[in-house]
Amino acid sequence: MRGTVALLVLLFCLNGAWAQEESGGVRESDITQQGHSAGRGSRVREVQIKSQMTDASEKTNEQMTTSPDIWTEMKELRDMVHNLGTIVVEQREKLRNMEVRATANEAEAKEQRNTVIDLRVELMVTKNEVEEENADLTAGLSGSKSQVELQTKNAAQAAELSAIGDRVTASEAENAGNK
């Protein structure tokens, strides 16, 4: 819409400049009127009129060659505006696609944040459970340690008892041999 308005303003300005250029130039009718009003008495005046006519015809030729140039430029501007419109449409489409991707990425990021939060909660729960089990195992190890100590003592006492039993048996055998 803005491009169309800009093109219309530009065309209006070019048309005004072209019309002003045409009206501002010297015309043949102006030159011939000057010749009639001044009289035909002097040869110098005729030479001036002829040079003015030559200048006027040159300007007319310039304007005729300028006119097609202006139309060519206007056509090029029209094509340029059309191309810019096409580019704008393409850029809008790209922008829409990028917005869709950005929205999808934001949703995915939010989902990942929620997953991370859930995993952190699960990790904390698991950590507490492991700490409780470690406390139980530590308490159990203390109990196991005392059991191991008792078993070691029992084994030592059993070995002592066995040694004492062997001595008693040896003493009885000695006593029986002494009798």
N, C-alpha and C. Protein backbone atom coordinates (compact mmCIF):
# COMPACT_ATOMS: atom_id res chain seq x y z
N MET A 1 0.83 -1.18 0.00
CA MET A 1 0.00 0.00 0.00
C MET A 1 0.87 1.25 0.00
N ARG A 2 1.89 1.26 0.86
CA ARG A 2 2.79 2.42 0.92
C ARG A 2 3.56 2.57 -0.39
N GLY A 3 3.95 1.42 -0.95
CA GLY A 3 4.68 1.45 -2.20
C GLY A 3 3.85 2.06 -3.32
N THR A 4 2.57 1.73 -3.33
CA THR A 4 1.67 2.27 -4.35
C THR A 4 1.53 3.77 -4.18
N VAL A 5 1.38 4.21 -2.94
CA VAL A 5 1.25 5.64 -2.67
C VAL A 5 2.52 6.37 -3.09
N ALA A 6 3.67 5.79 -2.76
CA ALA A 6 4.94 6.41 -3.13
C ALA A 6 5.08 6.52 -4.64
N LEU A 7 4.67 5.47 -5.34
CA LEU A 7 4.74 5.49 -6.80
C LEU A 7 3.84 6.57 -7.36
N LEU A 8 2.62 6.70 -6.84
CA LEU A 8 1.70 7.73 -7.33
C LEU A 8 2.24 9.13 -7.09
N VAL A 9 2.81 9.36 -5.93
CA VAL A 9 3.39 10.67 -5.62
C VAL A 9 4.54 10.96 -6.57
N LEU A 10 5.38 9.97 -6.80
CA LEU A 10 6.51 10.15 -7.72
C LEU A 10 6.02 10.44 -9.13
N LEU A 11 5.02 9.72 -9.60
CA LEU A 11 4.47 9.95 -10.94
C LEU A 11 3.87 11.34 -11.04
N PHE A 12 3.18 11.78 -9.99
CA PHE A 12 2.58 13.12 -9.99
C PHE A 12 3.67 14.18 -10.09
N CYS A 13 4.75 13.99 -9.31
CA CYS A 13 5.86 14.97 -9.35
C CYS A 13 6.52 14.99 -10.72
N LEU A 14 6.74 13.80 -11.28
CA LEU A 14 7.37 13.75 -12.61
C LEU A 14 6.47 14.39 -13.66
N ASN A 15 5.18 14.14 -13.57
CA ASN A 15 4.24 14.72 -14.53
C ASN A 15 4.25 16.25 -14.41
N GLY A 16 4.28 16.77 -13.17
CA GLY A 16 4.31 18.22 -12.96
C GLY A 16 5.60 18.82 -13.50
N ALA A 17 6.73 18.13 -13.26
CA ALA A 17 8.01 18.64 -13.77
C ALA A 17 8.03 18.64 -15.28
N TRP A 18 7.47 17.60 -15.87
CA TRP A 18 7.44 17.50 -17.34
C TRP A 18 6.56 18.61 -17.92
N ALA A 19 5.41 18.85 -17.30
CA ALA A 19 4.50 19.90 -17.79
C ALA A 19 5.15 21.27 -17.62
N GLN A 20 5.82 21.50 -16.53
CA GLN A 20 6.48 22.79 -16.31
C GLN A 20 7.60 23.00 -17.32
N GLU A 21 8.33 21.91 -17.59
CA GLU A 21 9.42 22.01 -18.56
C GLU A 21 8.88 22.36 -19.93
N GLU A 22 7.74 21.77 -20.29
CA GLU A 22 7.15 22.05 -21.60
C GLU A 22 6.63 23.48 -21.67
N SER A 23 6.01 23.96 -20.63
CA SER A 23 5.44 25.31 -20.67
C SER A 23 6.52 26.38 -20.51
N GLY A 24 7.63 26.05 -19.86
CA GLY A 24 8.70 27.02 -19.63
C GLY A 24 9.59 27.22 -20.84
N GLY A 25 9.57 26.32 -21.78
CA GLY A 25 10.43 26.42 -22.96
C GLY A 25 9.93 27.47 -23.94
N VAL A 26 10.79 27.84 -24.87
CA VAL A 26 10.43 28.83 -25.88
C VAL A 26 9.69 28.11 -27.00
N ARG A 27 8.56 28.66 -27.40
CA ARG A 27 7.74 28.04 -28.46
C ARG A 27 7.90 28.86 -29.74
N GLU A 28 7.62 28.20 -30.84
CA GLU A 28 7.72 28.86 -32.14
C GLU A 28 6.70 29.98 -32.25
N SER A 29 5.52 29.77 -31.71
CA SER A 29 4.49 30.81 -31.82
C SER A 29 4.90 32.06 -31.06
N ASP A 30 5.61 31.89 -29.92
CA ASP A 30 6.09 33.05 -29.17
C ASP A 30 7.11 33.82 -29.99
N ILE A 31 7.96 33.11 -30.68
CA ILE A 31 9.01 33.75 -31.46
C ILE A 31 8.41 34.51 -32.64
N THR A 32 7.45 33.90 -33.33
CA THR A 32 6.86 34.59 -34.49
C THR A 32 6.06 35.80 -34.06
N GLN A 33 5.43 35.74 -32.88
CA GLN A 33 4.69 36.90 -32.38
C GLN A 33 5.65 38.04 -32.06
N GLN A 34 6.81 37.69 -31.52
CA GLN A 34 7.79 38.73 -31.22
C GLN A 34 8.26 39.40 -32.52
N GLY A 35 8.41 38.60 -33.56
CA GLY A 35 8.85 39.14 -34.85
C GLY A 35 7.83 40.09 -35.44
N HIS A 36 6.55 39.78 -35.34
CA HIS A 36 5.50 40.63 -35.91
C HIS A 36 5.36 41.93 -35.14
N SER A 37 5.48 41.85 -33.80
CA SER A 37 5.27 43.06 -33.00
C SER A 37 6.44 44.02 -33.13
N ALA A 38 7.64 43.55 -33.36
CA ALA A 38 8.81 44.43 -33.44
C ALA A 38 8.97 45.01 -34.84
N GLY A 39 8.33 44.42 -35.80
CA GLY A 39 8.48 44.90 -37.17
C GLY A 39 9.56 44.14 -37.89
N ARG A 40 9.56 44.31 -39.26
CA ARG A 40 10.51 43.52 -40.03
C ARG A 40 11.60 44.41 -40.60
N GLY A 41 11.86 45.42 -39.95
CA GLY A 41 12.78 46.40 -40.51
C GLY A 41 14.23 46.01 -40.41
N SER A 42 14.61 45.37 -39.42
CA SER A 42 16.05 45.18 -39.28
C SER A 42 16.46 43.74 -39.54
N ARG A 43 17.55 43.65 -40.17
CA ARG A 43 18.09 42.34 -40.52
C ARG A 43 18.61 41.64 -39.27
N VAL A 44 19.08 42.35 -38.29
CA VAL A 44 19.61 41.80 -37.05
C VAL A 44 18.50 41.08 -36.29
N ARG A 45 17.34 41.69 -36.34
CA ARG A 45 16.20 41.09 -35.65
C ARG A 45 15.84 39.76 -36.27
N GLU A 46 15.94 39.62 -37.56
CA GLU A 46 15.62 38.36 -38.23
C GLU A 46 16.62 37.28 -37.85
N VAL A 47 17.87 37.64 -37.75
CA VAL A 47 18.89 36.67 -37.37
C VAL A 47 18.62 36.19 -35.94
N GLN A 48 18.24 37.13 -35.07
CA GLN A 48 17.92 36.74 -33.69
C GLN A 48 16.74 35.79 -33.65
N ILE A 49 15.73 36.10 -34.47
CA ILE A 49 14.54 35.24 -34.50
C ILE A 49 14.90 33.86 -35.00
N LYS A 50 15.73 33.79 -36.06
CA LYS A 50 16.13 32.49 -36.60
C LYS A 50 16.92 31.70 -35.56
N SER A 51 17.80 32.38 -34.83
CA SER A 51 18.58 31.66 -33.81
C SER A 51 17.67 31.18 -32.67
N GLN A 52 16.67 32.01 -32.35
CA GLN A 52 15.72 31.61 -31.32
C GLN A 52 14.90 30.42 -31.80
N MET A 53 14.53 30.43 -33.08
CA MET A 53 13.77 29.31 -33.63
C MET A 53 14.61 28.05 -33.62
N THR A 54 15.88 28.21 -33.94
CA THR A 54 16.77 27.05 -33.90
C THR A 54 16.88 26.52 -32.48
N ASP A 55 17.04 27.44 -31.53
CA ASP A 55 17.09 27.04 -30.12
C ASP A 55 15.79 26.37 -29.69
N ALA A 56 14.66 26.93 -30.14
CA ALA A 56 13.36 26.37 -29.77
C ALA A 56 13.20 24.98 -30.36
N SER A 57 13.61 24.78 -31.59
CA SER A 57 13.47 23.46 -32.20
C SER A 57 14.40 22.46 -31.52
N GLU A 58 15.56 22.92 -31.09
CA GLU A 58 16.46 22.03 -30.35
C GLU A 58 15.85 21.63 -29.01
N LYS A 59 15.23 22.62 -28.34
CA LYS A 59 14.56 22.31 -27.06
C LYS A 59 13.41 21.35 -27.28
N THR A 60 12.66 21.55 -28.35
CA THR A 60 11.54 20.65 -28.65
C THR A 60 12.07 19.24 -28.90
N ASN A 61 13.16 19.13 -29.62
CA ASN A 61 13.77 17.81 -29.86
C ASN A 61 14.24 17.19 -28.54
N GLU A 62 14.83 18.03 -27.67
CA GLU A 62 15.26 17.53 -26.37
C GLU A 62 14.07 17.02 -25.56
N GLN A 63 12.97 17.80 -25.61
CA GLN A 63 11.79 17.40 -24.85
C GLN A 63 11.21 16.12 -25.42
N MET A 64 11.27 15.96 -26.71
CA MET A 64 10.73 14.73 -27.31
C MET A 64 11.58 13.53 -26.92
N THR A 65 12.89 13.73 -26.84
CA THR A 65 13.74 12.61 -26.43
C THR A 65 13.67 12.41 -24.91
N THR A 66 13.39 13.48 -24.17
CA THR A 66 13.26 13.36 -22.71
C THR A 66 11.98 12.63 -22.35
N SER A 67 10.93 12.88 -23.09
CA SER A 67 9.64 12.25 -22.80
C SER A 67 9.74 10.73 -22.79
N PRO A 68 10.30 10.10 -23.82
CA PRO A 68 10.41 8.64 -23.77
C PRO A 68 11.32 8.18 -22.61
N ASP A 69 12.34 8.99 -22.27
CA ASP A 69 13.19 8.63 -21.16
C ASP A 69 12.40 8.61 -19.86
N ILE A 70 11.51 9.60 -19.70
CA ILE A 70 10.69 9.66 -18.49
C ILE A 70 9.78 8.44 -18.42
N TRP A 71 9.17 8.10 -19.57
CA TRP A 71 8.29 6.93 -19.57
C TRP A 71 9.07 5.65 -19.28
N THR A 72 10.27 5.58 -19.82
CA THR A 72 11.11 4.42 -19.54
C THR A 72 11.43 4.35 -18.05
N GLU A 73 11.78 5.49 -17.48
CA GLU A 73 12.07 5.53 -16.05
C GLU A 73 10.84 5.16 -15.23
N MET A 74 9.68 5.64 -15.67
CA MET A 74 8.44 5.31 -14.95
C MET A 74 8.17 3.82 -15.01
N LYS A 75 8.39 3.22 -16.17
CA LYS A 75 8.19 1.77 -16.30
C LYS A 75 9.18 1.03 -15.39
N GLU A 76 10.42 1.50 -15.36
CA GLU A 76 11.41 0.87 -14.50
C GLU A 76 11.02 1.01 -13.03
N LEU A 77 10.51 2.19 -12.67
CA LEU A 77 10.05 2.40 -11.29
C LEU A 77 8.87 1.48 -10.96
N ARG A 78 7.96 1.33 -11.92
CA ARG A 78 6.82 0.44 -11.72
C ARG A 78 7.31 -0.99 -11.49
N ASP A 79 8.27 -1.41 -12.33
CA ASP A 79 8.81 -2.76 -12.17
C ASP A 79 9.52 -2.91 -10.83
N MET A 80 10.23 -1.85 -10.43
CA MET A 80 10.93 -1.87 -9.15
C MET A 80 9.94 -2.00 -8.00
N VAL A 81 8.85 -1.24 -8.06
CA VAL A 81 7.82 -1.31 -7.01
C VAL A 81 7.21 -2.71 -6.98
N HIS A 82 6.97 -3.27 -8.15
CA HIS A 82 6.41 -4.63 -8.23
C HIS A 82 7.38 -5.63 -7.59
N ASN A 83 8.67 -5.50 -7.93
CA ASN A 83 9.67 -6.40 -7.36
C ASN A 83 9.76 -6.23 -5.85
N LEU A 84 9.70 -4.99 -5.39
CA LEU A 84 9.74 -4.75 -3.94
C LEU A 84 8.51 -5.35 -3.26
N GLY A 85 7.37 -5.27 -3.91
CA GLY A 85 6.16 -5.89 -3.36
C GLY A 85 6.32 -7.39 -3.24
N THR A 86 6.92 -8.00 -4.25
CA THR A 86 7.17 -9.44 -4.22
C THR A 86 8.13 -9.78 -3.09
N ILE A 87 9.15 -8.97 -2.93
CA ILE A 87 10.13 -9.21 -1.86
C ILE A 87 9.45 -9.08 -0.50
N VAL A 88 8.58 -8.10 -0.35
CA VAL A 88 7.88 -7.91 0.93
C VAL A 88 7.02 -9.14 1.24
N VAL A 89 6.34 -9.66 0.24
CA VAL A 89 5.50 -10.85 0.45
C VAL A 89 6.37 -12.03 0.89
N GLU A 90 7.51 -12.20 0.22
CA GLU A 90 8.41 -13.29 0.58
C GLU A 90 8.94 -13.12 2.00
N GLN A 91 9.29 -11.90 2.35
CA GLN A 91 9.81 -11.65 3.70
C GLN A 91 8.74 -11.87 4.76
N ARG A 92 7.50 -11.53 4.45
CA ARG A 92 6.41 -11.79 5.40
C ARG A 92 6.25 -13.28 5.63
N GLU A 93 6.34 -14.04 4.55
CA GLU A 93 6.21 -15.50 4.66
C GLU A 93 7.35 -16.07 5.50
N LYS A 94 8.57 -15.58 5.26
CA LYS A 94 9.71 -16.03 6.05
C LYS A 94 9.51 -15.67 7.52
N LEU A 95 9.00 -14.47 7.77
CA LEU A 95 8.76 -14.02 9.14
C LEU A 95 7.73 -14.92 9.83
N ARG A 96 6.67 -15.25 9.11
CA ARG A 96 5.66 -16.15 9.69
C ARG A 96 6.28 -17.50 10.04
N ASN A 97 7.09 -18.04 9.11
CA ASN A 97 7.74 -19.33 9.38
C ASN A 97 8.65 -19.24 10.59
N MET A 98 9.38 -18.15 10.71
CA MET A 98 10.28 -17.98 11.85
C MET A 98 9.49 -17.85 13.15
N GLU A 99 8.34 -17.17 13.10
CA GLU A 99 7.50 -17.04 14.28
C GLU A 99 6.98 -18.41 14.72
N VAL A 100 6.58 -19.22 13.75
CA VAL A 100 6.09 -20.57 14.07
C VAL A 100 7.20 -21.38 14.71
N ARG A 101 8.41 -21.31 14.12
CA ARG A 101 9.53 -22.06 14.69
C ARG A 101 9.89 -21.55 16.08
N ALA A 102 9.86 -20.24 16.26
CA ALA A 102 10.18 -19.66 17.57
C ALA A 102 9.16 -20.12 18.62
N THR A 103 7.89 -20.14 18.25
CA THR A 103 6.84 -20.59 19.17
C THR A 103 7.06 -22.06 19.52
N ALA A 104 7.39 -22.87 18.52
CA ALA A 104 7.63 -24.29 18.77
C ALA A 104 8.85 -24.47 19.67
N ASN A 105 9.89 -23.70 19.42
CA ASN A 105 11.09 -23.79 20.26
C ASN A 105 10.81 -23.35 21.69
N GLU A 106 10.00 -22.31 21.85
CA GLU A 106 9.64 -21.86 23.20
C GLU A 106 8.86 -22.94 23.94
N ALA A 107 7.93 -23.59 23.24
CA ALA A 107 7.15 -24.66 23.86
C ALA A 107 8.05 -25.83 24.25
N GLU A 108 8.98 -26.15 23.37
CA GLU A 108 9.91 -27.25 23.65
C GLU A 108 10.81 -26.90 24.83
N ALA A 109 11.27 -25.65 24.89
CA ALA A 109 12.12 -25.22 26.00
C ALA A 109 11.35 -25.28 27.31
N LYS A 110 10.09 -24.87 27.28
CA LYS A 110 9.26 -24.91 28.50
C LYS A 110 9.09 -26.36 28.96
N GLU A 111 8.85 -27.24 28.00
CA GLU A 111 8.68 -28.65 28.32
C GLU A 111 9.97 -29.21 28.92
N GLN A 112 11.11 -28.83 28.35
CA GLN A 112 12.39 -29.30 28.88
C GLN A 112 12.64 -28.75 30.29
N ARG A 113 12.25 -27.49 30.53
CA ARG A 113 12.40 -26.92 31.88
C ARG A 113 11.57 -27.72 32.88
N ASN A 114 10.33 -28.05 32.49
CA ASN A 114 9.46 -28.84 33.37
C ASN A 114 10.07 -30.21 33.63
N THR A 115 10.65 -30.83 32.60
CA THR A 115 11.28 -32.13 32.76
C THR A 115 12.46 -32.03 33.72
N VAL A 116 13.26 -30.97 33.56
CA VAL A 116 14.41 -30.78 34.45
C VAL A 116 13.94 -30.60 35.90
N ILE A 117 12.89 -29.84 36.09
CA ILE A 117 12.36 -29.64 37.45
C ILE A 117 11.90 -30.97 38.04
N ASP A 118 11.18 -31.76 37.22
CA ASP A 118 10.72 -33.07 37.69
C ASP A 118 11.90 -33.97 38.05
N LEU A 119 12.94 -33.94 37.22
CA LEU A 119 14.11 -34.78 37.49
C LEU A 119 14.84 -34.32 38.75
N ARG A 120 14.88 -33.01 38.98
CA ARG A 120 15.51 -32.51 40.21
C ARG A 120 14.75 -32.98 41.45
N VAL A 121 13.42 -32.93 41.38
CA VAL A 121 12.60 -33.39 42.51
C VAL A 121 12.85 -34.87 42.73
N GLU A 122 12.86 -35.64 41.65
CA GLU A 122 13.10 -37.09 41.75
C GLU A 122 14.49 -37.36 42.32
N LEU A 123 15.47 -36.56 41.91
CA LEU A 123 16.83 -36.73 42.43
C LEU A 123 16.88 -36.45 43.93
N MET A 124 16.19 -35.42 44.37
CA MET A 124 16.18 -35.08 45.81
C MET A 124 15.54 -36.22 46.61
N VAL A 125 14.43 -36.76 46.09
CA VAL A 125 13.75 -37.86 46.78
C VAL A 125 14.68 -39.07 46.85
N THR A 126 15.33 -39.37 45.73
CA THR A 126 16.24 -40.52 45.70
C THR A 126 17.41 -40.30 46.63
N LYS A 127 17.94 -39.06 46.66
CA LYS A 127 19.05 -38.74 47.55
C LYS A 127 18.66 -38.94 49.01
N ASN A 128 17.45 -38.50 49.38
CA ASN A 128 16.97 -38.70 50.76
C ASN A 128 16.84 -40.18 51.08
N GLU A 129 16.32 -40.95 50.11
CA GLU A 129 16.18 -42.39 50.33
C GLU A 129 17.55 -43.05 50.52
N VAL A 130 18.51 -42.64 49.71
CA VAL A 130 19.86 -43.21 49.82
C VAL A 130 20.48 -42.84 51.17
N GLU A 131 20.27 -41.57 51.60
CA GLU A 131 20.82 -41.17 52.90
C GLU A 131 20.20 -41.98 54.03
N GLU A 132 18.89 -42.24 53.94
CA GLU A 132 18.24 -43.06 54.97
C GLU A 132 18.79 -44.48 54.97
N GLU A 133 18.96 -45.04 53.78
CA GLU A 133 19.52 -46.39 53.69
C GLU A 133 20.94 -46.44 54.21
N ASN A 134 21.71 -45.37 53.92
CA ASN A 134 23.08 -45.30 54.45
C ASN A 134 23.06 -45.26 55.97
N ALA A 135 22.13 -44.50 56.53
CA ALA A 135 22.03 -44.44 58.00
C ALA A 135 21.68 -45.82 58.55
N ASP A 136 20.74 -46.49 57.90
CA ASP A 136 20.37 -47.85 58.34
C ASP A 136 21.55 -48.80 58.23
N LEU A 137 22.27 -48.70 57.13
CA LEU A 137 23.43 -49.59 56.93
C LEU A 137 24.53 -49.29 57.94
N THR A 138 24.71 -47.98 58.23
CA THR A 138 25.71 -47.60 59.22
C THR A 138 25.33 -48.18 60.58
N ALA A 139 24.05 -48.05 60.91
CA ALA A 139 23.58 -48.63 62.18
C ALA A 139 23.74 -50.14 62.14
N GLY A 140 23.41 -50.73 60.99
CA GLY A 140 23.56 -52.18 60.84
C GLY A 140 25.01 -52.60 60.91
N LEU A 141 25.90 -51.76 60.35
CA LEU A 141 27.32 -52.07 60.41
C LEU A 141 27.82 -52.01 61.83
N SER A 142 27.31 -51.04 62.57
CA SER A 142 27.70 -50.96 63.98
C SER A 142 27.28 -52.24 64.68
N GLY A 143 26.05 -52.69 64.39
CA GLY A 143 25.57 -53.95 64.96
C GLY A 143 26.38 -55.11 64.43
N SER A 144 26.69 -55.07 63.17
CA SER A 144 27.48 -56.15 62.57
C SER A 144 28.88 -56.13 63.13
N LYS A 145 29.41 -54.94 63.38
CA LYS A 145 30.75 -54.83 63.95
C LYS A 145 30.78 -55.49 65.32
N SER A 146 29.75 -55.19 66.10
CA SER A 146 29.72 -55.79 67.43
C SER A 146 29.52 -57.29 67.31
N GLN A 147 28.75 -57.72 66.32
CA GLN A 147 28.57 -59.16 66.12
C GLN A 147 29.89 -59.79 65.71
N VAL A 148 30.62 -59.10 64.82
CA VAL A 148 31.91 -59.63 64.38
C VAL A 148 32.87 -59.69 65.56
N GLU A 149 32.83 -58.64 66.40
CA GLU A 149 33.69 -58.64 67.59
C GLU A 149 33.32 -59.80 68.51
N LEU A 150 32.00 -59.99 68.67
CA LEU A 150 31.55 -61.10 69.53
C LEU A 150 31.95 -62.44 68.93
N GLN A 151 31.80 -62.55 67.63
CA GLN A 151 32.19 -63.81 66.99
C GLN A 151 33.70 -64.05 67.13
N THR A 152 34.44 -62.93 66.99
CA THR A 152 35.90 -63.06 67.15
C THR A 152 36.22 -63.49 68.58
N LYS A 153 35.55 -62.85 69.54
CA LYS A 153 35.76 -63.23 70.94
C LYS A 153 35.35 -64.69 71.17
N ASN A 154 34.20 -65.04 70.58
CA ASN A 154 33.72 -66.43 70.72
C ASN A 154 34.73 -67.40 70.12
N ALA A 155 35.26 -67.03 68.97
CA ALA A 155 36.24 -67.92 68.31
C ALA A 155 37.49 -68.01 69.17
N ALA A 156 37.90 -66.85 69.73
CA ALA A 156 39.10 -66.86 70.58
C ALA A 156 38.84 -67.70 71.83
N GLN A 157 37.64 -67.50 72.39
CA GLN A 157 37.29 -68.27 73.57
C GLN A 157 37.17 -69.76 73.24
N ALA A 158 36.62 -70.04 72.04
CA ALA A 158 36.50 -71.45 71.63
C ALA A 158 37.89 -72.05 71.46
N ALA A 159 38.81 -71.26 70.92
CA ALA A 159 40.18 -71.76 70.76
C ALA A 159 40.82 -71.98 72.13
N GLU A 160 40.59 -71.04 73.06
CA GLU A 160 41.11 -71.14 74.41
C GLU A 160 40.52 -72.38 75.11
N LEU A 161 39.19 -72.51 74.89
CA LEU A 161 38.50 -73.65 75.51
C LEU A 161 39.04 -74.95 74.95
N SER A 162 39.28 -74.93 73.69
CA SER A 162 39.82 -76.12 73.05
C SER A 162 41.22 -76.41 73.58
N ALA A 163 42.01 -75.34 73.77
CA ALA A 163 43.37 -75.52 74.29
C ALA A 163 43.30 -76.02 75.74
N ILE A 164 42.37 -75.43 76.49
CA ILE A 164 42.20 -75.87 77.89
C ILE A 164 41.72 -77.32 77.91
N GLY A 165 40.78 -77.63 77.00
CA GLY A 165 40.29 -79.02 76.93
C GLY A 165 41.43 -79.97 76.60
N ASP A 166 42.34 -79.57 75.74
CA ASP A 166 43.48 -80.41 75.37
C ASP A 166 44.40 -80.58 76.59
N ARG A 167 44.59 -79.50 77.36
CA ARG A 167 45.44 -79.57 78.54
C ARG A 167 44.80 -80.50 79.59
N VAL A 168 43.46 -80.35 79.72
CA VAL A 168 42.78 -81.20 80.69
C VAL A 168 42.93 -82.67 80.28
N THR A 169 42.75 -82.91 79.02
CA THR A 169 42.88 -84.28 78.54
C THR A 169 44.31 -84.76 78.75
N ALA A 170 45.27 -83.91 78.52
CA ALA A 170 46.67 -84.29 78.72
C ALA A 170 46.93 -84.49 80.21
N SER A 171 46.36 -83.64 81.06
CA SER A 171 46.52 -83.78 82.50
C SER A 171 45.86 -85.07 82.97
N GLU A 172 44.73 -85.37 82.48
CA GLU A 172 44.04 -86.62 82.87
C GLU A 172 44.86 -87.82 82.43
N ALA A 173 45.43 -87.72 81.29
CA ALA A 173 46.22 -88.82 80.79
C ALA A 173 47.48 -88.95 81.65
N GLU A 174 48.03 -87.88 82.10
CA GLU A 174 49.19 -87.90 82.96
C GLU A 174 48.79 -88.46 84.33
N ASN A 175 47.66 -88.02 84.83
CA ASN A 175 47.18 -88.50 86.11
C ASN A 175 46.86 -90.01 86.01
N ALA A 176 46.30 -90.41 84.97
CA ALA A 176 45.98 -91.81 84.80
C ALA A 176 47.29 -92.61 84.68
N GLY A 177 48.28 -92.10 84.15
CA GLY A 177 49.56 -92.78 84.04
C GLY A 177 50.30 -92.76 85.35
N ASN A 178 50.05 -91.85 86.19
CA ASN A 178 50.66 -91.73 87.49
C ASN A 178 49.94 -92.67 88.47
N LYS A 179 48.89 -93.09 88.25
CA LYS A 179 48.15 -93.92 89.16
C LYS A 179 48.48 -95.29 88.89
